[in-house]
N, C-alpha and C. Protein backbone atom coordinates (compact mmCIF):
# COMPACT_ATOMS: atom_id res chain seq x y z
N MET A 1 142.60 119.45 110.07
CA MET A 1 142.73 118.04 109.74
C MET A 1 143.03 117.17 110.96
N PRO A 2 143.78 117.63 111.99
CA PRO A 2 144.01 116.78 113.16
C PRO A 2 142.70 116.37 113.84
N GLN A 3 141.73 117.28 113.91
CA GLN A 3 140.45 116.93 114.53
C GLN A 3 139.73 115.88 113.69
N THR A 4 139.74 116.04 112.37
CA THR A 4 139.12 115.05 111.48
C THR A 4 139.77 113.69 111.67
N ARG A 5 141.09 113.66 111.73
CA ARG A 5 141.83 112.40 111.92
C ARG A 5 141.42 111.74 113.24
N PHE A 6 141.37 112.52 114.32
CA PHE A 6 141.05 111.97 115.63
C PHE A 6 139.63 111.40 115.65
N VAL A 7 138.67 112.18 115.16
CA VAL A 7 137.26 111.75 115.18
C VAL A 7 137.07 110.53 114.28
N LEU A 8 137.68 110.55 113.10
CA LEU A 8 137.55 109.41 112.19
C LEU A 8 138.18 108.16 112.78
N LYS A 9 139.32 108.29 113.40
CA LYS A 9 139.99 107.14 114.02
C LYS A 9 139.08 106.52 115.09
N LYS A 10 138.46 107.35 115.91
CA LYS A 10 137.55 106.85 116.95
C LYS A 10 136.32 106.19 116.32
N ALA A 11 135.75 106.81 115.29
CA ALA A 11 134.57 106.26 114.63
C ALA A 11 134.88 104.91 113.99
N LEU A 12 136.03 104.79 113.36
CA LEU A 12 136.43 103.51 112.77
C LEU A 12 136.63 102.45 113.84
N ALA A 13 137.24 102.82 114.95
CA ALA A 13 137.47 101.87 116.05
C ALA A 13 136.14 101.36 116.62
N MET A 14 135.14 102.22 116.62
CA MET A 14 133.82 101.84 117.15
C MET A 14 132.94 101.19 116.08
N LYS A 15 133.47 101.07 114.86
CA LYS A 15 132.76 100.46 113.73
C LYS A 15 131.43 101.17 113.44
N LEU A 16 131.47 102.50 113.52
CA LEU A 16 130.28 103.30 113.24
C LEU A 16 130.12 103.50 111.73
N LYS A 17 128.89 103.68 111.30
CA LYS A 17 128.62 104.07 109.92
C LYS A 17 129.00 105.54 109.79
N ILE A 18 129.67 105.90 108.71
CA ILE A 18 130.21 107.25 108.57
C ILE A 18 129.64 107.92 107.33
N ILE A 19 129.17 109.14 107.51
CA ILE A 19 128.74 110.00 106.41
C ILE A 19 129.74 111.15 106.35
N VAL A 20 130.30 111.40 105.17
CA VAL A 20 131.25 112.50 105.00
C VAL A 20 130.48 113.73 104.52
N VAL A 21 130.64 114.83 105.24
CA VAL A 21 130.05 116.10 104.83
C VAL A 21 131.19 117.05 104.47
N VAL A 22 131.25 117.43 103.21
CA VAL A 22 132.24 118.40 102.74
C VAL A 22 131.57 119.76 102.88
N ASN A 23 131.97 120.50 103.90
CA ASN A 23 131.32 121.77 104.24
C ASN A 23 132.10 122.95 103.64
N LYS A 24 131.51 124.11 103.74
CA LYS A 24 132.12 125.38 103.31
C LYS A 24 132.39 125.42 101.81
N ILE A 25 131.51 124.78 101.03
CA ILE A 25 131.72 124.83 99.58
C ILE A 25 131.32 126.18 99.01
N ASP A 26 130.79 127.07 99.86
CA ASP A 26 130.43 128.42 99.42
C ASP A 26 131.64 129.36 99.40
N LYS A 27 132.74 128.94 99.97
CA LYS A 27 133.95 129.78 100.02
C LYS A 27 134.52 129.95 98.60
N PRO A 28 135.05 131.13 98.29
CA PRO A 28 135.61 131.36 96.94
C PRO A 28 136.74 130.39 96.58
N ASP A 29 137.54 130.00 97.56
CA ASP A 29 138.67 129.10 97.29
C ASP A 29 138.36 127.64 97.62
N ALA A 30 137.07 127.30 97.69
CA ALA A 30 136.68 125.93 98.03
C ALA A 30 137.13 124.96 96.95
N ARG A 31 137.63 123.80 97.39
CA ARG A 31 138.05 122.73 96.48
C ARG A 31 137.43 121.43 96.98
N PRO A 32 136.12 121.25 96.76
CA PRO A 32 135.45 120.07 97.32
C PRO A 32 136.01 118.74 96.81
N ALA A 33 136.40 118.66 95.55
CA ALA A 33 136.96 117.41 95.02
C ALA A 33 138.28 117.07 95.72
N PHE A 34 139.11 118.08 95.94
CA PHE A 34 140.38 117.88 96.64
C PHE A 34 140.12 117.43 98.08
N ALA A 35 139.17 118.09 98.75
CA ALA A 35 138.83 117.73 100.14
C ALA A 35 138.34 116.29 100.22
N LEU A 36 137.52 115.89 99.26
CA LEU A 36 137.01 114.52 99.24
C LEU A 36 138.15 113.52 99.00
N ASP A 37 139.05 113.83 98.09
CA ASP A 37 140.21 112.94 97.84
C ASP A 37 141.06 112.78 99.09
N LYS A 38 141.32 113.88 99.79
CA LYS A 38 142.13 113.82 101.02
C LYS A 38 141.40 113.01 102.10
N THR A 39 140.09 113.15 102.17
CA THR A 39 139.30 112.40 103.15
C THR A 39 139.37 110.91 102.84
N PHE A 40 139.22 110.56 101.56
CA PHE A 40 139.31 109.15 101.16
C PHE A 40 140.70 108.59 101.50
N ASP A 41 141.73 109.36 101.21
CA ASP A 41 143.10 108.93 101.56
C ASP A 41 143.24 108.70 103.07
N LEU A 42 142.62 109.56 103.86
CA LEU A 42 142.67 109.42 105.31
C LEU A 42 141.97 108.14 105.77
N PHE A 43 140.83 107.82 105.16
CA PHE A 43 140.14 106.56 105.47
C PHE A 43 141.09 105.39 105.24
N LEU A 44 141.75 105.37 104.09
CA LEU A 44 142.66 104.26 103.77
C LEU A 44 143.85 104.23 104.72
N GLU A 45 144.40 105.40 105.01
CA GLU A 45 145.54 105.49 105.92
C GLU A 45 145.21 104.94 107.31
N LEU A 46 143.97 105.15 107.74
CA LEU A 46 143.55 104.69 109.07
C LEU A 46 143.02 103.26 109.06
N GLY A 47 143.11 102.59 107.90
CA GLY A 47 142.78 101.17 107.85
C GLY A 47 141.32 100.84 107.61
N ALA A 48 140.56 101.74 107.01
CA ALA A 48 139.15 101.46 106.73
C ALA A 48 139.05 100.33 105.70
N ASP A 49 138.09 99.43 105.92
CA ASP A 49 137.87 98.36 104.94
C ASP A 49 137.10 98.93 103.74
N ASP A 50 136.91 98.09 102.71
CA ASP A 50 136.26 98.55 101.47
C ASP A 50 134.85 99.07 101.72
N GLU A 51 134.10 98.35 102.55
CA GLU A 51 132.72 98.77 102.82
C GLU A 51 132.67 100.13 103.51
N THR A 52 133.53 100.34 104.49
CA THR A 52 133.56 101.61 105.22
C THR A 52 134.06 102.74 104.33
N ALA A 53 135.01 102.45 103.45
CA ALA A 53 135.56 103.48 102.56
C ALA A 53 134.60 103.85 101.44
N ASN A 54 133.51 103.11 101.31
CA ASN A 54 132.48 103.43 100.33
C ASN A 54 131.38 104.23 101.04
N PHE A 55 131.74 105.39 101.56
CA PHE A 55 130.86 106.22 102.38
C PHE A 55 130.01 107.16 101.52
N PRO A 56 128.82 107.53 102.01
CA PRO A 56 128.04 108.55 101.32
C PRO A 56 128.67 109.93 101.55
N VAL A 57 128.52 110.80 100.56
CA VAL A 57 129.10 112.14 100.63
C VAL A 57 128.00 113.18 100.45
N ILE A 58 128.01 114.18 101.32
CA ILE A 58 127.11 115.32 101.23
C ILE A 58 127.98 116.57 101.12
N TYR A 59 127.63 117.44 100.21
CA TYR A 59 128.31 118.73 100.08
C TYR A 59 127.41 119.77 100.72
N ALA A 60 128.01 120.71 101.46
CA ALA A 60 127.18 121.64 102.22
C ALA A 60 127.80 123.02 102.38
N SER A 61 126.91 123.94 102.65
CA SER A 61 127.27 125.26 103.15
C SER A 61 126.42 125.45 104.40
N ALA A 62 126.99 125.11 105.54
CA ALA A 62 126.24 125.23 106.80
C ALA A 62 125.82 126.68 107.03
N LYS A 63 126.68 127.59 106.65
CA LYS A 63 126.39 129.02 106.83
C LYS A 63 125.12 129.43 106.09
N GLN A 64 124.91 128.86 104.90
CA GLN A 64 123.73 129.18 104.10
C GLN A 64 122.58 128.20 104.33
N GLY A 65 122.83 127.16 105.11
CA GLY A 65 121.78 126.17 105.37
C GLY A 65 121.44 125.35 104.14
N LEU A 66 122.46 124.97 103.37
CA LEU A 66 122.25 124.22 102.13
C LEU A 66 123.08 122.95 102.13
N ALA A 67 122.53 121.91 101.51
CA ALA A 67 123.26 120.65 101.36
C ALA A 67 122.76 119.95 100.10
N GLY A 68 123.64 119.13 99.52
CA GLY A 68 123.26 118.39 98.33
C GLY A 68 124.20 117.24 98.07
N LEU A 69 123.84 116.44 97.09
CA LEU A 69 124.65 115.28 96.73
C LEU A 69 125.74 115.64 95.73
N GLU A 70 125.67 116.85 95.18
CA GLU A 70 126.69 117.35 94.26
C GLU A 70 127.20 118.69 94.79
N PRO A 71 128.44 119.06 94.46
CA PRO A 71 128.99 120.32 94.97
C PRO A 71 128.54 121.54 94.16
N ASP A 72 127.23 121.68 93.97
CA ASP A 72 126.68 122.77 93.18
C ASP A 72 125.64 123.52 94.02
N LEU A 73 126.03 124.66 94.56
CA LEU A 73 125.13 125.44 95.42
C LEU A 73 123.84 125.84 94.71
N ALA A 74 123.90 126.07 93.41
CA ALA A 74 122.72 126.50 92.66
C ALA A 74 121.61 125.45 92.67
N LYS A 75 121.98 124.19 92.83
CA LYS A 75 120.99 123.10 92.84
C LYS A 75 120.48 122.78 94.24
N MET A 76 121.02 123.43 95.26
CA MET A 76 120.64 123.14 96.65
C MET A 76 119.54 124.09 97.10
N THR A 77 118.56 123.53 97.84
CA THR A 77 117.46 124.36 98.33
C THR A 77 117.37 124.38 99.86
N ASP A 78 117.86 123.33 100.51
CA ASP A 78 117.81 123.23 101.97
C ASP A 78 118.78 122.15 102.42
N ILE A 79 118.64 121.67 103.65
CA ILE A 79 119.56 120.62 104.12
C ILE A 79 118.92 119.24 104.17
N SER A 80 117.76 119.10 103.53
CA SER A 80 117.08 117.80 103.57
C SER A 80 117.92 116.65 103.00
N PRO A 81 118.80 116.85 102.00
CA PRO A 81 119.64 115.72 101.57
C PRO A 81 120.50 115.14 102.71
N LEU A 82 120.94 115.99 103.61
CA LEU A 82 121.72 115.51 104.76
C LEU A 82 120.84 114.65 105.66
N PHE A 83 119.64 115.15 105.98
CA PHE A 83 118.72 114.39 106.84
C PHE A 83 118.33 113.07 106.17
N ASP A 84 118.03 113.11 104.87
CA ASP A 84 117.65 111.90 104.15
C ASP A 84 118.76 110.86 104.19
N THR A 85 120.00 111.31 104.05
CA THR A 85 121.14 110.39 104.09
C THR A 85 121.28 109.77 105.48
N VAL A 86 121.14 110.58 106.52
CA VAL A 86 121.21 110.06 107.89
C VAL A 86 120.13 109.00 108.10
N LEU A 87 118.90 109.31 107.70
CA LEU A 87 117.79 108.37 107.91
C LEU A 87 117.96 107.07 107.13
N SER A 88 118.54 107.15 105.94
CA SER A 88 118.66 105.94 105.12
C SER A 88 119.93 105.14 105.43
N TYR A 89 120.96 105.79 105.95
CA TYR A 89 122.26 105.13 106.10
C TYR A 89 122.60 104.72 107.54
N ILE A 90 122.21 105.53 108.49
CA ILE A 90 122.55 105.26 109.89
C ILE A 90 121.49 104.32 110.49
N PRO A 91 121.91 103.25 111.18
CA PRO A 91 120.94 102.32 111.74
C PRO A 91 120.11 102.95 112.85
N GLU A 92 118.92 102.41 113.03
CA GLU A 92 118.04 102.87 114.12
C GLU A 92 118.72 102.61 115.46
N PRO A 93 118.30 103.35 116.48
CA PRO A 93 118.86 103.08 117.82
C PRO A 93 118.59 101.64 118.23
N SER A 94 119.56 101.05 118.89
CA SER A 94 119.38 99.68 119.35
C SER A 94 118.78 99.70 120.75
N GLY A 95 118.35 98.57 121.19
CA GLY A 95 117.75 98.45 122.51
C GLY A 95 116.47 97.65 122.42
N ASP A 96 116.02 97.18 123.55
CA ASP A 96 114.82 96.35 123.59
C ASP A 96 113.87 96.93 124.62
N ALA A 97 112.73 97.40 124.15
CA ALA A 97 111.74 98.01 125.04
C ALA A 97 111.15 96.99 126.01
N ASP A 98 111.27 95.70 125.70
CA ASP A 98 110.70 94.67 126.57
C ASP A 98 111.66 94.18 127.65
N GLN A 99 112.89 94.67 127.64
CA GLN A 99 113.86 94.32 128.68
C GLN A 99 113.72 95.27 129.86
N PRO A 100 114.31 94.94 131.02
CA PRO A 100 114.24 95.85 132.17
C PRO A 100 114.87 97.21 131.85
N LEU A 101 114.33 98.24 132.45
CA LEU A 101 114.76 99.62 132.26
C LEU A 101 116.25 99.79 132.53
N GLN A 102 116.95 100.45 131.60
CA GLN A 102 118.36 100.81 131.76
C GLN A 102 118.61 102.13 131.05
N MET A 103 119.13 103.10 131.79
CA MET A 103 119.50 104.39 131.21
C MET A 103 120.75 104.88 131.90
N LEU A 104 121.77 105.21 131.13
CA LEU A 104 123.01 105.76 131.67
C LEU A 104 122.92 107.28 131.65
N ILE A 105 123.16 107.92 132.78
CA ILE A 105 123.13 109.38 132.85
C ILE A 105 124.41 109.92 132.21
N THR A 106 124.24 110.73 131.16
CA THR A 106 125.40 111.26 130.44
C THR A 106 125.53 112.78 130.53
N THR A 107 124.45 113.47 130.90
CA THR A 107 124.47 114.92 130.98
C THR A 107 123.59 115.38 132.13
N LEU A 108 123.99 116.46 132.79
CA LEU A 108 123.19 117.04 133.87
C LEU A 108 122.94 118.51 133.58
N THR A 109 121.72 118.95 133.85
CA THR A 109 121.37 120.36 133.76
C THR A 109 120.53 120.70 134.98
N ALA A 110 120.21 121.97 135.14
CA ALA A 110 119.40 122.39 136.28
C ALA A 110 118.21 123.20 135.78
N ASP A 111 117.13 123.10 136.52
CA ASP A 111 115.92 123.85 136.22
C ASP A 111 115.42 124.45 137.53
N ASN A 112 115.04 125.72 137.51
CA ASN A 112 114.59 126.39 138.74
C ASN A 112 113.39 125.71 139.37
N TYR A 113 112.56 125.04 138.58
CA TYR A 113 111.34 124.42 139.11
C TYR A 113 111.46 122.92 139.30
N LYS A 114 112.19 122.26 138.40
CA LYS A 114 112.28 120.79 138.45
C LYS A 114 113.52 120.30 139.20
N GLY A 115 114.47 121.18 139.45
CA GLY A 115 115.71 120.77 140.10
C GLY A 115 116.70 120.23 139.08
N ARG A 116 117.54 119.30 139.52
CA ARG A 116 118.55 118.74 138.62
C ARG A 116 117.89 117.77 137.65
N ILE A 117 118.30 117.90 136.40
CA ILE A 117 117.74 117.06 135.33
C ILE A 117 118.85 116.18 134.79
N ALA A 118 118.58 114.87 134.78
CA ALA A 118 119.53 113.89 134.26
C ALA A 118 119.10 113.48 132.86
N THR A 119 120.05 113.50 131.94
CA THR A 119 119.75 113.15 130.55
C THR A 119 120.61 111.99 130.11
N GLY A 120 120.05 111.13 129.27
CA GLY A 120 120.79 110.01 128.71
C GLY A 120 119.95 109.26 127.72
N LYS A 121 120.55 108.25 127.10
CA LYS A 121 119.85 107.40 126.15
C LYS A 121 119.22 106.25 126.91
N LEU A 122 117.95 106.01 126.65
CA LEU A 122 117.25 104.87 127.25
C LEU A 122 117.70 103.63 126.49
N LEU A 123 118.58 102.85 127.10
CA LEU A 123 119.19 101.70 126.43
C LEU A 123 118.22 100.54 126.28
N ASN A 124 117.44 100.26 127.31
CA ASN A 124 116.45 99.19 127.30
C ASN A 124 115.26 99.61 128.12
N GLY A 125 114.13 98.97 127.87
CA GLY A 125 112.94 99.20 128.68
C GLY A 125 112.13 100.41 128.26
N ARG A 126 111.21 100.75 129.18
CA ARG A 126 110.30 101.88 128.98
C ARG A 126 110.25 102.69 130.26
N MET A 127 109.85 103.96 130.14
CA MET A 127 109.59 104.80 131.31
C MET A 127 108.30 105.55 131.08
N LYS A 128 107.61 105.82 132.18
CA LYS A 128 106.42 106.66 132.08
C LYS A 128 106.48 107.71 133.18
N ALA A 129 105.82 108.80 132.94
CA ALA A 129 105.82 109.91 133.90
C ALA A 129 105.33 109.43 135.26
N GLY A 130 106.03 109.83 136.32
CA GLY A 130 105.63 109.51 137.69
C GLY A 130 106.01 108.14 138.19
N GLN A 131 106.66 107.34 137.38
CA GLN A 131 106.98 105.97 137.81
C GLN A 131 108.13 105.94 138.81
N GLU A 132 108.21 104.85 139.55
CA GLU A 132 109.32 104.62 140.46
C GLU A 132 110.48 104.02 139.67
N ILE A 133 111.70 104.46 139.99
CA ILE A 133 112.90 103.94 139.33
C ILE A 133 113.94 103.60 140.39
N ALA A 134 114.91 102.81 139.99
CA ALA A 134 116.06 102.55 140.86
C ALA A 134 117.24 103.34 140.32
N ARG A 135 117.98 103.93 141.24
CA ARG A 135 119.20 104.66 140.87
C ARG A 135 120.37 103.81 141.34
N ILE A 136 121.26 103.48 140.41
CA ILE A 136 122.45 102.71 140.76
C ILE A 136 123.63 103.67 140.71
N ARG A 137 124.18 103.94 141.88
CA ARG A 137 125.32 104.86 141.96
C ARG A 137 126.58 104.17 141.44
N ARG A 138 127.61 104.95 141.21
CA ARG A 138 128.85 104.39 140.67
C ARG A 138 129.50 103.41 141.64
N ASP A 139 129.21 103.52 142.94
CA ASP A 139 129.78 102.56 143.91
C ASP A 139 128.92 101.30 144.03
N GLY A 140 127.82 101.23 143.26
CA GLY A 140 126.97 100.05 143.25
C GLY A 140 125.77 100.12 144.18
N THR A 141 125.69 101.14 145.04
CA THR A 141 124.54 101.25 145.94
C THR A 141 123.30 101.63 145.14
N ILE A 142 122.16 101.14 145.61
CA ILE A 142 120.89 101.34 144.90
C ILE A 142 119.91 102.06 145.81
N SER A 143 119.23 103.06 145.26
CA SER A 143 118.15 103.74 145.98
C SER A 143 116.98 103.92 145.03
N LYS A 144 115.78 104.01 145.60
CA LYS A 144 114.58 104.15 144.77
C LYS A 144 114.05 105.57 144.85
N HIS A 145 113.54 106.05 143.71
CA HIS A 145 113.02 107.41 143.60
C HIS A 145 111.82 107.40 142.67
N ARG A 146 111.00 108.45 142.77
CA ARG A 146 109.87 108.61 141.86
C ARG A 146 110.18 109.78 140.93
N LEU A 147 109.97 109.57 139.63
CA LEU A 147 110.20 110.63 138.65
C LEU A 147 109.16 111.73 138.83
N VAL A 148 109.62 112.97 138.91
CA VAL A 148 108.69 114.10 138.99
C VAL A 148 108.52 114.75 137.62
N ALA A 149 109.41 114.44 136.69
CA ALA A 149 109.28 114.95 135.32
C ALA A 149 109.95 113.97 134.37
N LEU A 150 109.31 113.77 133.23
CA LEU A 150 109.85 112.92 132.16
C LEU A 150 109.77 113.72 130.87
N MET A 151 110.90 113.83 130.19
CA MET A 151 110.96 114.62 128.97
C MET A 151 111.71 113.86 127.88
N SER A 152 111.31 114.10 126.65
CA SER A 152 112.04 113.59 125.49
C SER A 152 112.46 114.80 124.66
N PHE A 153 113.03 114.57 123.52
CA PHE A 153 113.55 115.67 122.71
C PHE A 153 112.92 115.69 121.33
N GLU A 154 112.61 116.87 120.87
CA GLU A 154 112.24 117.12 119.48
C GLU A 154 113.28 118.09 118.96
N GLY A 155 114.22 117.59 118.19
CA GLY A 155 115.37 118.40 117.80
C GLY A 155 116.18 118.67 119.06
N LEU A 156 116.45 119.94 119.34
CA LEU A 156 117.19 120.30 120.55
C LEU A 156 116.28 120.69 121.70
N ASP A 157 114.97 120.71 121.45
CA ASP A 157 114.01 121.15 122.47
C ASP A 157 113.55 119.99 123.34
N ARG A 158 113.56 120.21 124.65
CA ARG A 158 113.02 119.23 125.60
C ARG A 158 111.51 119.39 125.63
N CYS A 159 110.80 118.27 125.57
CA CYS A 159 109.34 118.29 125.58
C CYS A 159 108.84 117.32 126.65
N VAL A 160 107.78 117.70 127.34
CA VAL A 160 107.17 116.82 128.34
C VAL A 160 106.69 115.55 127.63
N ALA A 161 106.96 114.40 128.25
CA ALA A 161 106.56 113.12 127.66
C ALA A 161 105.80 112.31 128.69
N GLU A 162 104.84 111.55 128.24
CA GLU A 162 104.12 110.62 129.11
C GLU A 162 104.81 109.27 129.14
N ASN A 163 105.32 108.84 127.98
CA ASN A 163 105.98 107.54 127.84
C ASN A 163 107.18 107.68 126.92
N VAL A 164 108.23 106.93 127.20
CA VAL A 164 109.41 106.83 126.33
C VAL A 164 109.84 105.37 126.31
N GLU A 165 110.61 105.01 125.28
CA GLU A 165 111.08 103.62 125.23
C GLU A 165 112.49 103.54 124.67
N ALA A 166 113.04 102.34 124.71
CA ALA A 166 114.43 102.09 124.32
C ALA A 166 114.77 102.80 123.02
N GLY A 167 115.94 103.47 123.02
CA GLY A 167 116.41 104.20 121.86
C GLY A 167 116.19 105.69 121.97
N ASP A 168 115.25 106.12 122.83
CA ASP A 168 114.96 107.55 122.98
C ASP A 168 116.02 108.23 123.84
N ILE A 169 116.28 109.51 123.55
CA ILE A 169 117.08 110.34 124.44
C ILE A 169 116.09 110.95 125.42
N VAL A 170 116.37 110.80 126.72
CA VAL A 170 115.40 111.10 127.76
C VAL A 170 116.02 112.02 128.81
N ALA A 171 115.20 112.91 129.35
CA ALA A 171 115.61 113.74 130.49
C ALA A 171 114.61 113.50 131.61
N VAL A 172 115.13 113.32 132.83
CA VAL A 172 114.27 113.04 133.98
C VAL A 172 114.64 113.92 135.16
N ALA A 173 113.65 114.20 135.99
CA ALA A 173 113.87 114.92 137.24
C ALA A 173 113.22 114.12 138.36
N GLY A 174 113.74 114.30 139.57
CA GLY A 174 113.21 113.59 140.73
C GLY A 174 114.25 112.75 141.44
N ILE A 175 115.46 112.77 140.94
CA ILE A 175 116.56 112.03 141.56
C ILE A 175 117.44 113.05 142.27
N PRO A 176 117.59 112.95 143.59
CA PRO A 176 118.42 113.93 144.30
C PRO A 176 119.90 113.81 143.92
N ASP A 177 120.49 114.91 143.54
CA ASP A 177 121.92 115.00 143.20
C ASP A 177 122.41 113.87 142.29
N PRO A 178 121.82 113.73 141.11
CA PRO A 178 122.29 112.68 140.19
C PRO A 178 123.71 113.00 139.72
N MET A 179 124.43 111.98 139.31
CA MET A 179 125.80 112.14 138.84
C MET A 179 125.95 111.47 137.47
N ILE A 180 126.79 112.05 136.63
CA ILE A 180 127.11 111.43 135.35
C ILE A 180 127.74 110.07 135.62
N GLY A 181 127.33 109.07 134.84
CA GLY A 181 127.86 107.73 135.01
C GLY A 181 126.98 106.83 135.85
N GLU A 182 125.96 107.39 136.50
CA GLU A 182 125.03 106.56 137.26
C GLU A 182 123.99 105.97 136.31
N THR A 183 123.33 104.91 136.77
CA THR A 183 122.33 104.23 135.96
C THR A 183 120.96 104.38 136.58
N ILE A 184 119.99 104.63 135.73
CA ILE A 184 118.58 104.59 136.13
C ILE A 184 118.07 103.24 135.65
N ALA A 185 117.48 102.48 136.57
CA ALA A 185 117.12 101.10 136.25
C ALA A 185 115.73 100.75 136.76
N ASP A 186 115.31 99.56 136.39
CA ASP A 186 114.03 99.02 136.84
C ASP A 186 114.08 98.82 138.35
N PRO A 187 113.07 99.28 139.10
CA PRO A 187 113.13 99.15 140.56
C PRO A 187 113.00 97.71 141.05
N ILE A 188 112.39 96.84 140.26
CA ILE A 188 112.22 95.44 140.66
C ILE A 188 113.44 94.61 140.26
N ASN A 189 114.00 94.91 139.10
CA ASN A 189 115.14 94.17 138.58
C ASN A 189 116.24 95.15 138.16
N PRO A 190 116.90 95.80 139.13
CA PRO A 190 117.89 96.83 138.78
C PRO A 190 119.20 96.24 138.27
N ILE A 191 119.37 96.32 136.96
CA ILE A 191 120.61 95.80 136.35
C ILE A 191 121.31 96.90 135.58
């Protein structure tokens, strides 16, 4: 419960839309109604308004790969109710593809062939494979580089991409020694 409290408190502070998933309903001693009541009480305790406290609820057994709108495993066939709820309730990514390129580097990985790969959400603008970009370091200095690889994601898998736009999660290679917290920006108008 401390982890739930911490995450919920942060989500409420950020005014995020919240979906409650009551997991492990396959356990013999599962009490989904009790868990939901305690969760609702926690929302109220942390100061959620009426709209936020009217959250959608999904019941699930992650271990069995099942989810549903009712706590009845026999009626569940897959986890599509969870995906459907996310698609209908959570807003689309924000950003404007017509604004200058902006991407904050949030994750770094390495590839034996591509070198260091910087990943982040494309906040504004568009990118295409091979284009020139501006790198804005944390100290404010700017340098220009050419992308040698552009990738987007399908689920957890990285896929080669020709074009990406605002709202996409993107991975790029071609920036020497990128650092988390740096910005990839438009080379003409680096903001």
